[in-house]
Amino acid sequence: MWWNSGLAVKWTNCCCLCKRGASSCVTEKVRGVLTGLVDEKRSSLAEAITLVESKHPVKQRQAQWLLSSLLSRRHQLQQLGRAPPTFRIGLSGPPGAGKSTFIETFGQMLTKQLGTKVAVLTVDPSSSRTGGSILADKTRMQKLSQDPLAYIRPSPSSGTLGGVTRSTNEAILLCEGAGYHTVIVETVGVGQSEIAVADMVDIFVLLLPPATGDELQGLKKGIVEMADVIAVTKADGDLLPAARRIQAEYTSALKLIRKKSKHWSPQVLRLSSVSNEGIAEVWKVMEEFRDKMLQVGAFEEKRKEQRKTWMWSNIQWQLMQKFRCHPAVLSGVGDIEKKVMLGTISPGFAADKLLDIFLKQQLPDYPS
């Protein structure tokens, strides 16, 4: 176990993360979860992800303590040259592209042939009415879910645009902390907002089915230009000619798009998750991408920029939470909403009014 490579676990002081003090914030149970993560226990990883997904203020502070402890531990290992490399893979594609089938076949190849521990983070859409999710990804990956070297965690999107939840980025860190060196993030489907997943992974793979009607429709969505690899799925049987045609059309179309990186030209592949054809080739291209980015120093630079992006994303999320729950805002929002709905004031003026109420309470010197 790489976490136990001759170094004692150094616990991060919770006082800087919890206003109520370490004794009331970090319980023995939370410390036990951290110990379990160090020992690469799946049950501890499940508990840790549940903790970071919680919206309870105390549990959020406990989750941040947990993450800080893991990051501190990994930093120590990096300084000693003992931190193993990790690889984060983002997967997206329209419904019916065969994302779950591909992940199961691809994941089994990594675990059985290469002995790699693989974590899969999937996001299922939540109902806009009830807030519930089916979370059926495990049922679609039955063989992989039973693999001792694999861990699958479905999470509800909870209304998050693009299906990338606020806690997804933190769940990636937890999976890596538990010894899963390859982490796959599967998103809900294709859409402009799903570009968010590209800000948390090392490589972004777009899966496309062979029969899409308007084959180049994806180019209008802006997601194709974010892809490092495009894979045409279901390239077998009667769909093989269509898969070859789609592959050729996207290969030609990509020549008209400005490359995301000067060090890499996106490749268009085809595969069949049923016959396993092309699966090994997809992994080979992923490795080529990783090695190239490491060679030119772009791999770590990208991760640095991603950390900054998610810092600001968290600031925006936390500010919105504080704004929505502020007593002064809650007392005035009802009346202002009615005026907006009646058309007596504009939405922009209403927003300015509510922000003024909030900022005057938060900042005593805020100008009237």
Foldseek 3Di string as FASTA:
>chain_A
DLLPPPDDQDADALVVLDVVGDPVQADVVLVVLLVCLSVLHLVSLVVLLVLCPDPDPSSVSSNVSSLVSLVVSLVVCVVVVSQDAAFEEEEAAAPPLCPLLLCLLLVCCCCVVVVAQEEEEEEFEADPVPRDGPQCSCVSNVPQCPDPSYHYDYDYLSPPPFRCHLCNLVSVSSCVSSPRRYYYYYTHHDALVVCLVLLRGQFYEYGYELDDPPLCPSVVRVVVLSHQEYEYEPCDDPSVVSSVVSQVVVVVVQVVDDHPDPQGRYHYYYAYSVVGPPSVVVVVVVVVSVVSCVVVVNRVVSNVVSVVVSVVVVVVVVVVVCLVPPPQLVVPVVVLVVCCVVVVDDPVVSVVVSVVSVVCVVPVPPDD
